[in-house]
C-alpha atoms as a PDB file:
ATOM      1  CA  UNK A   1       1.977 -43.889  94.169  1.00  0.00           C
ATOM      2  CA  UNK A   2       5.494 -42.683  93.542  1.00  0.00           C
ATOM      3  CA  UNK A   3       8.228 -44.960  92.001  1.00  0.00           C
ATOM      4  CA  UNK A   4      11.929 -44.242  91.706  1.00  0.00           C
ATOM      5  CA  UNK A   5      14.945 -45.932  90.260  1.00  0.00           C
ATOM      6  CA  UNK A   6      18.311 -45.520  89.555  1.00  0.00           C
ATOM      7  CA  UNK A   7      20.838 -47.474  87.047  1.00  0.00           C
ATOM      8  CA  UNK A   8      24.208 -47.630  86.141  1.00  0.00           C
ATOM      9  CA  UNK A   9      25.553 -49.265  83.541  1.00  0.00           C
ATOM     10  CA  UNK A  10      29.414 -49.660  82.620  1.00  0.00           C
ATOM     11  CA  UNK A  11      31.210 -51.094  79.600  1.00  0.00           C
ATOM     12  CA  UNK A  12      33.700 -51.044  76.828  1.00  0.00           C
ATOM     13  CA  UNK A  13      32.724 -49.925  73.081  1.00  0.00           C
ATOM     14  CA  UNK A  14      35.094 -51.325  70.244  1.00  0.00           C
ATOM     15  CA  UNK A  15      35.294 -51.034  66.480  1.00  0.00           C
ATOM     16  CA  UNK A  16      38.022 -52.793  64.663  1.00  0.00           C
ATOM     17  CA  UNK A  17      41.236 -51.417  66.912  1.00  0.00           C
ATOM     18  CA  UNK A  18      39.431 -48.534  68.455  1.00  0.00           C
ATOM     19  CA  UNK A  19      38.124 -49.478  71.891  1.00  0.00           C
ATOM     20  CA  UNK A  20      37.044 -46.824  75.117  1.00  0.00           C
ATOM     21  CA  UNK A  21      35.421 -47.476  78.355  1.00  0.00           C
ATOM     22  CA  UNK A  22      32.019 -45.664  78.957  1.00  0.00           C
ATOM     23  CA  UNK A  23      29.654 -45.490  81.636  1.00  0.00           C
ATOM     24  CA  UNK A  24      26.039 -44.412  81.868  1.00  0.00           C
ATOM     25  CA  UNK A  25      23.743 -43.336  84.661  1.00  0.00           C
ATOM     26  CA  UNK A  26      20.001 -43.122  84.522  1.00  0.00           C
ATOM     27  CA  UNK A  27      17.553 -41.792  87.082  1.00  0.00           C
ATOM     28  CA  UNK A  28      13.804 -42.095  86.397  1.00  0.00           C
ATOM     29  CA  UNK A  29      10.961 -40.997  88.927  1.00  0.00           C
ATOM     30  CA  UNK A  30       7.108 -41.725  88.273  1.00  0.00           C
ATOM     31  CA  UNK A  31       4.086 -40.900  89.546  1.00  0.00           C
ATOM     32  CA  UNK A  32       1.207 -43.506  89.031  1.00  0.00           C
ATOM     33  CA  UNK A  33      -2.491 -43.506  89.776  1.00  0.00           C
ATOM     34  CA  UNK A  34      -2.668 -46.443  91.816  1.00  0.00           C
ATOM     35  CA  UNK A  35      -6.434 -47.388  90.801  1.00  0.00           C
ATOM     36  CA  UNK A  36      -6.288 -46.862  87.342  1.00  0.00           C
ATOM     37  CA  UNK A  37      -2.341 -47.398  86.984  1.00  0.00           C
ATOM     38  CA  UNK A  38      -2.094 -43.963  84.713  1.00  0.00           C
ATOM     39  CA  UNK A  39       1.599 -42.136  84.483  1.00  0.00           C
ATOM     40  CA  UNK A  40       0.586 -39.263  85.876  1.00  0.00           C
ATOM     41  CA  UNK A  41       4.224 -37.803  86.186  1.00  0.00           C
ATOM     42  CA  UNK A  42       7.299 -38.943  84.706  1.00  0.00           C
ATOM     43  CA  UNK A  43      10.948 -37.576  84.952  1.00  0.00           C
ATOM     44  CA  UNK A  44      13.986 -39.236  83.361  1.00  0.00           C
ATOM     45  CA  UNK A  45      17.529 -37.746  83.720  1.00  0.00           C
ATOM     46  CA  UNK A  46      20.695 -39.496  81.910  1.00  0.00           C
ATOM     47  CA  UNK A  47      24.097 -38.769  81.827  1.00  0.00           C
ATOM     48  CA  UNK A  48      27.118 -40.545  79.794  1.00  0.00           C
ATOM     49  CA  UNK A  49      30.732 -40.127  80.291  1.00  0.00           C
ATOM     50  CA  UNK A  50      33.249 -41.352  77.712  1.00  0.00           C
ATOM     51  CA  UNK A  51      36.617 -42.412  79.188  1.00  0.00           C
ATOM     52  CA  UNK A  52      39.484 -41.317  76.941  1.00  0.00           C
ATOM     53  CA  UNK A  53      42.371 -43.036  79.027  1.00  0.00           C
END
């Protein structure tokens, strides 16, 4: 059984007077044994962008 998911999270990080917008994208691909529910293969990829404007 193959499972796939993609998530994008956007927000703003702030410390005192310094704040910046950011976004994170995470892609996951998982292969699971349907009988024993064991994870056979797992691949994750993430990217982060920090906006300076």
